[in-house]
Amino acid sequence: MRQLIDTTMRAAGLALALSLSACAAFRQPPPPGSPLAAVTQALGQPAAVYPDADGGQVLEYRGQPMGQFQHMARMSPDGRLLSYEQVLTSENFARVKIDHWTKDDILRHFGRPAETSRVGYKDYEVWSYRYKEAGVWNSLMHVHFDAQGVVRQMLNGPDPMYDDRFRHR
């Protein structure tokens, strides 16, 4: 009976994740240069908006906590779309500058995480993002911040949500 319940819960989670990713796949952003009103008309209201260093803003279109994607629309200071991309990729995570980037930098580049936790012995706060490492492996990227909010390390590993080795039997 327990195995049937576990299988049913996994199927429901997968169905939810697929439906969320399907919704995101049908949203077509307007072309670069489009005004903010056209962006929100095409994509909907963002889950969060972050100020960008150049005077523009970054709009978060959330795929976390269950999806393996997160889209960010970058707007110019004059309110025009510069880019729209799925940001949770190995290449984008590789751009993070350890000991320099802060929580604000991470939010502007990746949006809010799927999960947060703490590492007690170093007093680190950890933000974890679900993504497909190299477009293939179900992974979590863990971004570790010190007490001042500076990125001190990043670690990736398998996402227990998709790995039977981590399930309680």
N, C-alpha and C. Protein backbone atom coordinates (compact mmCIF):
# COMPACT_ATOMS: atom_id res chain seq x y z
N MET A 1 0.82 -1.19 0.00
CA MET A 1 0.00 0.00 0.00
C MET A 1 0.87 1.26 0.00
N ARG A 2 1.93 1.28 0.84
CA ARG A 2 2.82 2.43 0.92
C ARG A 2 3.47 2.70 -0.44
N GLN A 3 3.85 1.63 -1.13
CA GLN A 3 4.48 1.79 -2.43
C GLN A 3 3.50 2.41 -3.43
N LEU A 4 2.24 2.03 -3.37
CA LEU A 4 1.22 2.60 -4.24
C LEU A 4 1.06 4.09 -3.96
N ILE A 5 1.05 4.47 -2.68
CA ILE A 5 0.93 5.88 -2.32
C ILE A 5 2.15 6.65 -2.80
N ASP A 6 3.36 6.12 -2.60
CA ASP A 6 4.58 6.78 -3.07
C ASP A 6 4.54 6.97 -4.58
N THR A 7 4.13 5.94 -5.31
CA THR A 7 4.05 6.02 -6.77
C THR A 7 3.03 7.06 -7.20
N THR A 8 1.89 7.09 -6.52
CA THR A 8 0.86 8.07 -6.84
C THR A 8 1.35 9.49 -6.57
N MET A 9 2.06 9.69 -5.46
CA MET A 9 2.58 11.02 -5.13
C MET A 9 3.63 11.45 -6.15
N ARG A 10 4.48 10.53 -6.56
CA ARG A 10 5.49 10.86 -7.57
C ARG A 10 4.83 11.24 -8.88
N ALA A 11 3.81 10.49 -9.28
CA ALA A 11 3.09 10.78 -10.52
C ALA A 11 2.41 12.14 -10.45
N ALA A 12 1.83 12.47 -9.31
CA ALA A 12 1.17 13.76 -9.15
C ALA A 12 2.19 14.90 -9.22
N GLY A 13 3.34 14.71 -8.57
CA GLY A 13 4.40 15.73 -8.63
C GLY A 13 4.92 15.93 -10.04
N LEU A 14 5.11 14.83 -10.75
CA LEU A 14 5.58 14.91 -12.13
C LEU A 14 4.56 15.61 -13.01
N ALA A 15 3.29 15.28 -12.82
CA ALA A 15 2.22 15.92 -13.60
C ALA A 15 2.19 17.42 -13.35
N LEU A 16 2.35 17.81 -12.08
CA LEU A 16 2.37 19.23 -11.75
C LEU A 16 3.56 19.92 -12.40
N ALA A 17 4.73 19.32 -12.29
CA ALA A 17 5.93 19.92 -12.89
C ALA A 17 5.79 20.05 -14.40
N LEU A 18 5.24 19.02 -15.04
CA LEU A 18 5.05 19.07 -16.49
C LEU A 18 4.04 20.14 -16.89
N SER A 19 2.97 20.26 -16.11
CA SER A 19 1.96 21.27 -16.45
C SER A 19 2.52 22.67 -16.26
N LEU A 20 3.34 22.87 -15.22
CA LEU A 20 3.96 24.18 -15.02
C LEU A 20 4.93 24.51 -16.15
N SER A 21 5.72 23.53 -16.56
CA SER A 21 6.66 23.80 -17.63
C SER A 21 5.94 23.99 -18.95
N ALA A 22 4.81 23.31 -19.14
CA ALA A 22 4.03 23.49 -20.37
C ALA A 22 3.47 24.90 -20.44
N CYS A 23 3.01 25.43 -19.29
CA CYS A 23 2.49 26.80 -19.26
C CYS A 23 3.58 27.78 -19.67
N ALA A 24 4.77 27.60 -19.14
CA ALA A 24 5.87 28.50 -19.46
C ALA A 24 6.27 28.37 -20.92
N ALA A 25 6.19 27.17 -21.47
CA ALA A 25 6.61 26.96 -22.86
C ALA A 25 5.68 27.68 -23.83
N PHE A 26 4.41 27.87 -23.46
CA PHE A 26 3.46 28.51 -24.37
C PHE A 26 3.54 30.03 -24.32
N ARG A 27 4.21 30.57 -23.34
CA ARG A 27 4.37 32.02 -23.25
C ARG A 27 5.47 32.44 -24.21
N GLN A 28 5.10 33.24 -25.16
CA GLN A 28 6.09 33.74 -26.11
C GLN A 28 6.38 35.20 -25.78
N PRO A 29 7.62 35.51 -25.49
CA PRO A 29 7.94 36.91 -25.16
C PRO A 29 7.85 37.76 -26.42
N PRO A 30 7.56 39.02 -26.24
CA PRO A 30 7.60 39.93 -27.39
C PRO A 30 9.05 40.14 -27.82
N PRO A 31 9.27 40.69 -28.98
CA PRO A 31 10.64 40.88 -29.46
C PRO A 31 11.40 41.91 -28.62
N PRO A 32 12.74 41.79 -28.61
CA PRO A 32 13.54 42.80 -27.90
C PRO A 32 13.17 44.20 -28.39
N GLY A 33 13.19 45.14 -27.46
CA GLY A 33 12.81 46.51 -27.78
C GLY A 33 11.36 46.81 -27.43
N SER A 34 10.59 45.78 -27.12
CA SER A 34 9.18 45.98 -26.76
C SER A 34 9.08 46.70 -25.42
N PRO A 35 8.05 47.54 -25.25
CA PRO A 35 7.88 48.24 -23.97
C PRO A 35 7.39 47.29 -22.87
N LEU A 36 7.54 47.73 -21.64
CA LEU A 36 7.14 46.94 -20.47
C LEU A 36 5.69 46.46 -20.57
N ALA A 37 4.79 47.31 -21.02
CA ALA A 37 3.38 46.93 -21.12
C ALA A 37 3.19 45.73 -22.05
N ALA A 38 3.93 45.68 -23.14
CA ALA A 38 3.84 44.54 -24.06
C ALA A 38 4.41 43.28 -23.43
N VAL A 39 5.46 43.44 -22.63
CA VAL A 39 6.07 42.29 -21.95
C VAL A 39 5.09 41.69 -20.96
N THR A 40 4.50 42.52 -20.11
CA THR A 40 3.55 41.99 -19.12
C THR A 40 2.27 41.50 -19.77
N GLN A 41 1.88 42.06 -20.90
CA GLN A 41 0.70 41.55 -21.61
C GLN A 41 0.99 40.15 -22.15
N ALA A 42 2.17 39.94 -22.68
CA ALA A 42 2.53 38.64 -23.26
C ALA A 42 2.87 37.59 -22.20
N LEU A 43 3.56 38.01 -21.14
CA LEU A 43 4.08 37.05 -20.16
C LEU A 43 3.32 37.04 -18.84
N GLY A 44 2.48 38.03 -18.61
CA GLY A 44 1.79 38.15 -17.34
C GLY A 44 2.61 38.98 -16.37
N GLN A 45 2.06 39.17 -15.19
CA GLN A 45 2.76 39.93 -14.16
C GLN A 45 3.91 39.09 -13.62
N PRO A 46 5.08 39.68 -13.45
CA PRO A 46 6.21 38.92 -12.89
C PRO A 46 5.98 38.58 -11.43
N ALA A 47 6.64 37.52 -10.98
CA ALA A 47 6.57 37.12 -9.57
C ALA A 47 7.36 38.09 -8.69
N ALA A 48 8.37 38.71 -9.26
CA ALA A 48 9.19 39.68 -8.53
C ALA A 48 9.87 40.60 -9.54
N VAL A 49 10.25 41.78 -9.09
CA VAL A 49 10.97 42.75 -9.92
C VAL A 49 12.18 43.22 -9.12
N TYR A 50 13.35 43.21 -9.78
CA TYR A 50 14.59 43.60 -9.12
C TYR A 50 15.21 44.77 -9.88
N PRO A 51 15.74 45.77 -9.15
CA PRO A 51 16.44 46.86 -9.83
C PRO A 51 17.77 46.34 -10.38
N ASP A 52 18.10 46.78 -11.58
CA ASP A 52 19.38 46.39 -12.19
C ASP A 52 20.39 47.51 -11.99
N ALA A 53 21.65 47.19 -11.97
CA ALA A 53 22.71 48.16 -11.70
C ALA A 53 22.74 49.29 -12.73
N ASP A 54 22.31 49.02 -13.96
CA ASP A 54 22.36 50.04 -15.02
C ASP A 54 21.15 50.97 -15.01
N GLY A 55 20.24 50.80 -14.04
CA GLY A 55 19.05 51.64 -13.97
C GLY A 55 17.81 50.96 -14.54
N GLY A 56 17.98 49.82 -15.16
CA GLY A 56 16.84 49.07 -15.66
C GLY A 56 16.27 48.19 -14.56
N GLN A 57 15.55 47.19 -14.96
CA GLN A 57 14.99 46.25 -13.99
C GLN A 57 14.95 44.85 -14.58
N VAL A 58 14.85 43.87 -13.68
CA VAL A 58 14.79 42.46 -14.07
C VAL A 58 13.49 41.89 -13.54
N LEU A 59 12.72 41.29 -14.43
CA LEU A 59 11.44 40.70 -14.07
C LEU A 59 11.60 39.19 -13.94
N GLU A 60 11.15 38.65 -12.81
CA GLU A 60 11.27 37.21 -12.56
C GLU A 60 9.97 36.50 -12.93
N TYR A 61 10.08 35.50 -13.80
CA TYR A 61 8.97 34.62 -14.14
C TYR A 61 9.31 33.25 -13.59
N ARG A 62 8.71 32.94 -12.48
CA ARG A 62 9.08 31.85 -11.58
C ARG A 62 8.73 30.47 -12.13
N GLY A 63 9.72 29.58 -12.03
CA GLY A 63 9.53 28.17 -12.32
C GLY A 63 9.82 27.33 -11.09
N GLN A 64 10.50 27.92 -10.11
CA GLN A 64 10.80 27.26 -8.86
C GLN A 64 9.53 27.34 -8.00
N PRO A 65 9.23 26.48 -7.09
CA PRO A 65 10.13 25.54 -6.47
C PRO A 65 10.14 24.15 -7.14
N MET A 66 9.14 23.81 -7.93
CA MET A 66 9.07 22.44 -8.44
C MET A 66 9.69 22.30 -9.84
N GLY A 67 9.66 23.35 -10.63
CA GLY A 67 10.22 23.28 -11.98
C GLY A 67 11.73 23.39 -11.98
N GLN A 68 12.32 23.10 -13.12
CA GLN A 68 13.78 23.17 -13.26
C GLN A 68 14.16 24.35 -14.15
N PHE A 69 13.39 25.40 -14.07
CA PHE A 69 13.60 26.57 -14.92
C PHE A 69 13.21 27.82 -14.15
N GLN A 70 13.67 28.94 -14.62
CA GLN A 70 13.29 30.25 -14.13
C GLN A 70 13.62 31.22 -15.25
N HIS A 71 12.65 32.00 -15.67
CA HIS A 71 12.86 32.96 -16.75
C HIS A 71 13.00 34.36 -16.19
N MET A 72 13.91 35.11 -16.78
CA MET A 72 14.13 36.49 -16.36
C MET A 72 14.05 37.38 -17.61
N ALA A 73 13.27 38.45 -17.49
CA ALA A 73 13.18 39.46 -18.55
C ALA A 73 13.98 40.67 -18.09
N ARG A 74 14.98 41.05 -18.87
CA ARG A 74 15.80 42.21 -18.53
C ARG A 74 15.29 43.42 -19.31
N MET A 75 15.01 44.49 -18.56
CA MET A 75 14.46 45.70 -19.13
C MET A 75 15.50 46.82 -19.06
N SER A 76 15.55 47.63 -20.09
CA SER A 76 16.49 48.75 -20.14
C SER A 76 15.99 49.88 -19.23
N PRO A 77 16.86 50.86 -18.96
CA PRO A 77 16.43 52.00 -18.13
C PRO A 77 15.22 52.74 -18.72
N ASP A 78 15.06 52.69 -20.05
CA ASP A 78 13.90 53.36 -20.66
C ASP A 78 12.69 52.43 -20.79
N GLY A 79 12.73 51.26 -20.12
CA GLY A 79 11.56 50.39 -20.05
C GLY A 79 11.33 49.50 -21.26
N ARG A 80 12.41 49.15 -21.97
CA ARG A 80 12.27 48.28 -23.14
C ARG A 80 12.95 46.94 -22.87
N LEU A 81 12.38 45.88 -23.46
CA LEU A 81 12.91 44.53 -23.27
C LEU A 81 14.28 44.37 -23.93
N LEU A 82 15.26 43.98 -23.14
CA LEU A 82 16.60 43.69 -23.66
C LEU A 82 16.74 42.21 -23.96
N SER A 83 16.27 41.35 -23.03
CA SER A 83 16.39 39.90 -23.23
C SER A 83 15.38 39.18 -22.35
N TYR A 84 15.09 37.94 -22.73
CA TYR A 84 14.23 37.06 -21.96
C TYR A 84 14.84 35.68 -22.08
N GLU A 85 15.24 35.10 -20.94
CA GLU A 85 15.90 33.80 -21.02
C GLU A 85 15.63 32.93 -19.81
N GLN A 86 15.78 31.63 -20.02
CA GLN A 86 15.75 30.64 -18.95
C GLN A 86 17.14 30.69 -18.35
N VAL A 87 17.23 31.08 -17.08
CA VAL A 87 18.53 31.40 -16.49
C VAL A 87 19.19 30.27 -15.71
N LEU A 88 18.46 29.22 -15.38
CA LEU A 88 19.02 28.15 -14.55
C LEU A 88 19.75 27.14 -15.43
N THR A 89 20.98 27.52 -15.80
CA THR A 89 21.82 26.67 -16.63
C THR A 89 23.21 26.57 -16.02
N SER A 90 23.91 25.52 -16.39
CA SER A 90 25.29 25.34 -15.91
C SER A 90 26.15 26.53 -16.32
N GLU A 91 25.95 27.03 -17.53
CA GLU A 91 26.75 28.15 -18.03
C GLU A 91 26.51 29.42 -17.19
N ASN A 92 25.25 29.68 -16.86
CA ASN A 92 24.96 30.87 -16.06
C ASN A 92 25.48 30.74 -14.63
N PHE A 93 25.35 29.55 -14.05
CA PHE A 93 25.88 29.36 -12.69
C PHE A 93 27.41 29.54 -12.69
N ALA A 94 28.07 29.18 -13.76
CA ALA A 94 29.53 29.32 -13.84
C ALA A 94 29.97 30.78 -13.84
N ARG A 95 29.08 31.70 -14.13
CA ARG A 95 29.41 33.14 -14.15
C ARG A 95 29.44 33.77 -12.76
N VAL A 96 28.92 33.08 -11.77
CA VAL A 96 28.87 33.63 -10.41
C VAL A 96 30.30 33.82 -9.90
N LYS A 97 30.56 34.99 -9.34
CA LYS A 97 31.89 35.30 -8.81
C LYS A 97 31.88 35.07 -7.29
N ILE A 98 32.51 33.96 -6.90
CA ILE A 98 32.64 33.62 -5.49
C ILE A 98 33.40 34.75 -4.77
N ASP A 99 33.00 35.07 -3.57
CA ASP A 99 33.59 36.12 -2.72
C ASP A 99 33.30 37.54 -3.22
N HIS A 100 32.50 37.69 -4.27
CA HIS A 100 32.15 39.03 -4.78
C HIS A 100 30.65 39.23 -4.89
N TRP A 101 29.95 38.24 -5.46
CA TRP A 101 28.51 38.39 -5.64
C TRP A 101 27.79 38.32 -4.30
N THR A 102 26.66 39.01 -4.23
CA THR A 102 25.84 39.05 -3.02
C THR A 102 24.47 38.43 -3.31
N LYS A 103 23.65 38.39 -2.28
CA LYS A 103 22.28 37.90 -2.46
C LYS A 103 21.54 38.69 -3.54
N ASP A 104 21.76 40.01 -3.56
CA ASP A 104 21.10 40.83 -4.58
C ASP A 104 21.54 40.44 -5.98
N ASP A 105 22.82 40.16 -6.17
CA ASP A 105 23.32 39.72 -7.48
C ASP A 105 22.66 38.40 -7.88
N ILE A 106 22.58 37.46 -6.95
CA ILE A 106 21.97 36.16 -7.24
C ILE A 106 20.50 36.34 -7.58
N LEU A 107 19.78 37.17 -6.83
CA LEU A 107 18.37 37.41 -7.14
C LEU A 107 18.20 38.01 -8.53
N ARG A 108 19.04 38.97 -8.90
CA ARG A 108 18.93 39.59 -10.22
C ARG A 108 19.24 38.63 -11.35
N HIS A 109 20.09 37.65 -11.10
CA HIS A 109 20.48 36.71 -12.16
C HIS A 109 19.63 35.45 -12.20
N PHE A 110 19.17 34.97 -11.03
CA PHE A 110 18.49 33.68 -10.97
C PHE A 110 17.11 33.72 -10.33
N GLY A 111 16.75 34.82 -9.68
CA GLY A 111 15.46 34.89 -9.00
C GLY A 111 15.50 34.15 -7.68
N ARG A 112 14.32 33.97 -7.10
CA ARG A 112 14.23 33.32 -5.80
C ARG A 112 14.48 31.81 -5.93
N PRO A 113 15.06 31.20 -4.91
CA PRO A 113 15.40 29.78 -4.97
C PRO A 113 14.20 28.87 -4.74
N ALA A 114 14.40 27.60 -5.03
CA ALA A 114 13.39 26.58 -4.74
C ALA A 114 13.33 26.30 -3.25
N GLU A 115 14.48 26.31 -2.59
CA GLU A 115 14.58 25.97 -1.17
C GLU A 115 15.65 26.83 -0.51
N THR A 116 15.49 27.02 0.80
CA THR A 116 16.55 27.66 1.58
C THR A 116 16.85 26.77 2.78
N SER A 117 18.09 26.82 3.24
CA SER A 117 18.51 26.04 4.40
C SER A 117 19.70 26.74 5.03
N ARG A 118 20.27 26.11 6.04
CA ARG A 118 21.42 26.68 6.74
C ARG A 118 22.49 25.61 6.94
N VAL A 119 23.73 26.04 6.94
CA VAL A 119 24.86 25.20 7.33
C VAL A 119 25.35 25.79 8.64
N GLY A 120 25.07 25.11 9.73
CA GLY A 120 25.32 25.64 11.06
C GLY A 120 26.78 25.88 11.40
N TYR A 121 27.65 24.96 11.05
CA TYR A 121 29.04 25.09 11.49
C TYR A 121 29.77 26.25 10.83
N LYS A 122 29.29 26.73 9.69
CA LYS A 122 29.90 27.92 9.07
C LYS A 122 28.97 29.12 9.10
N ASP A 123 27.78 28.92 9.66
CA ASP A 123 26.75 29.96 9.69
C ASP A 123 26.45 30.48 8.28
N TYR A 124 26.32 29.57 7.34
CA TYR A 124 25.96 29.93 5.96
C TYR A 124 24.47 29.74 5.74
N GLU A 125 23.88 30.66 5.00
CA GLU A 125 22.54 30.47 4.47
C GLU A 125 22.71 29.88 3.08
N VAL A 126 21.88 28.91 2.73
CA VAL A 126 22.01 28.21 1.44
C VAL A 126 20.73 28.37 0.65
N TRP A 127 20.88 28.84 -0.60
CA TRP A 127 19.76 28.91 -1.53
C TRP A 127 19.97 27.81 -2.56
N SER A 128 18.94 27.00 -2.79
CA SER A 128 19.06 25.87 -3.72
C SER A 128 18.10 26.05 -4.90
N TYR A 129 18.63 25.81 -6.09
CA TYR A 129 17.88 25.96 -7.34
C TYR A 129 17.81 24.62 -8.06
N ARG A 130 16.61 24.20 -8.44
CA ARG A 130 16.43 23.00 -9.26
C ARG A 130 16.77 23.35 -10.70
N TYR A 131 17.53 22.49 -11.36
CA TYR A 131 17.85 22.72 -12.77
C TYR A 131 18.33 21.42 -13.40
N LYS A 132 18.46 21.44 -14.71
CA LYS A 132 19.00 20.30 -15.45
C LYS A 132 20.46 20.61 -15.74
N GLU A 133 21.36 19.97 -15.00
CA GLU A 133 22.78 20.18 -15.22
C GLU A 133 23.14 19.65 -16.61
N ALA A 134 23.82 20.49 -17.38
CA ALA A 134 24.20 20.17 -18.76
C ALA A 134 22.98 19.78 -19.58
N GLY A 135 21.80 20.23 -19.16
CA GLY A 135 20.58 19.93 -19.88
C GLY A 135 20.12 18.48 -19.73
N VAL A 136 20.76 17.71 -18.84
CA VAL A 136 20.48 16.27 -18.74
C VAL A 136 20.12 15.83 -17.31
N TRP A 137 20.97 16.17 -16.31
CA TRP A 137 20.84 15.59 -14.97
C TRP A 137 19.96 16.46 -14.08
N ASN A 138 19.05 15.81 -13.36
CA ASN A 138 18.20 16.49 -12.38
C ASN A 138 19.07 16.89 -11.19
N SER A 139 19.29 18.18 -11.04
CA SER A 139 20.27 18.66 -10.06
C SER A 139 19.74 19.80 -9.22
N LEU A 140 20.44 20.05 -8.14
CA LEU A 140 20.24 21.23 -7.30
C LEU A 140 21.56 21.98 -7.24
N MET A 141 21.52 23.28 -7.51
CA MET A 141 22.70 24.12 -7.30
C MET A 141 22.49 24.82 -5.96
N HIS A 142 23.44 24.65 -5.06
CA HIS A 142 23.38 25.23 -3.72
C HIS A 142 24.34 26.42 -3.66
N VAL A 143 23.79 27.60 -3.40
CA VAL A 143 24.58 28.82 -3.29
C VAL A 143 24.68 29.16 -1.80
N HIS A 144 25.91 29.20 -1.27
CA HIS A 144 26.16 29.42 0.15
C HIS A 144 26.58 30.88 0.40
N PHE A 145 25.85 31.54 1.31
CA PHE A 145 26.12 32.93 1.66
C PHE A 145 26.62 33.02 3.10
N ASP A 146 27.59 33.90 3.34
CA ASP A 146 28.03 34.15 4.71
C ASP A 146 27.04 35.11 5.38
N ALA A 147 27.33 35.49 6.62
CA ALA A 147 26.43 36.34 7.40
C ALA A 147 26.25 37.72 6.78
N GLN A 148 27.19 38.16 5.94
CA GLN A 148 27.08 39.46 5.27
C GLN A 148 26.35 39.35 3.93
N GLY A 149 25.94 38.14 3.54
CA GLY A 149 25.20 37.96 2.30
C GLY A 149 26.08 37.83 1.07
N VAL A 150 27.35 37.48 1.26
CA VAL A 150 28.30 37.32 0.15
C VAL A 150 28.40 35.83 -0.20
N VAL A 151 28.42 35.52 -1.49
CA VAL A 151 28.55 34.13 -1.93
C VAL A 151 29.93 33.62 -1.56
N ARG A 152 29.98 32.53 -0.79
CA ARG A 152 31.26 31.95 -0.37
C ARG A 152 31.56 30.63 -1.06
N GLN A 153 30.54 29.91 -1.50
CA GLN A 153 30.79 28.69 -2.27
C GLN A 153 29.51 28.28 -2.97
N MET A 154 29.67 27.44 -3.99
CA MET A 154 28.55 26.86 -4.72
C MET A 154 28.83 25.38 -4.90
N LEU A 155 27.81 24.58 -4.64
CA LEU A 155 27.92 23.13 -4.80
C LEU A 155 26.70 22.64 -5.52
N ASN A 156 26.90 21.70 -6.43
CA ASN A 156 25.73 21.09 -7.06
C ASN A 156 25.72 19.61 -6.75
N GLY A 157 24.55 19.04 -6.85
CA GLY A 157 24.40 17.62 -6.59
C GLY A 157 23.06 17.14 -7.10
N PRO A 158 22.78 15.85 -6.95
CA PRO A 158 21.52 15.31 -7.45
C PRO A 158 20.33 15.91 -6.70
N ASP A 159 19.24 16.06 -7.40
CA ASP A 159 18.01 16.57 -6.79
C ASP A 159 17.27 15.38 -6.17
N PRO A 160 17.14 15.34 -4.84
CA PRO A 160 16.49 14.21 -4.20
C PRO A 160 15.03 14.01 -4.63
N MET A 161 14.42 15.06 -5.15
CA MET A 161 13.04 14.94 -5.61
C MET A 161 12.92 13.94 -6.76
N TYR A 162 14.00 13.78 -7.52
CA TYR A 162 13.99 12.90 -8.68
C TYR A 162 14.83 11.64 -8.49
N ASP A 163 15.40 11.45 -7.32
CA ASP A 163 16.34 10.34 -7.12
C ASP A 163 15.80 9.39 -6.06
N ASP A 164 15.50 8.16 -6.43
CA ASP A 164 14.95 7.17 -5.51
C ASP A 164 15.86 6.86 -4.35
N ARG A 165 17.17 7.08 -4.49
CA ARG A 165 18.10 6.80 -3.39
C ARG A 165 17.81 7.66 -2.16
N PHE A 166 17.12 8.78 -2.35
CA PHE A 166 16.87 9.69 -1.25
C PHE A 166 15.45 9.54 -0.68
N ARG A 167 14.68 8.63 -1.22
CA ARG A 167 13.30 8.45 -0.75
C ARG A 167 13.27 7.54 0.47
N HIS A 168 12.39 7.88 1.39
CA HIS A 168 12.18 7.03 2.58
C HIS A 168 11.28 5.89 2.18
N ARG A 169 11.62 4.73 2.61
CA ARG A 169 10.80 3.56 2.26
C ARG A 169 10.03 3.09 3.45
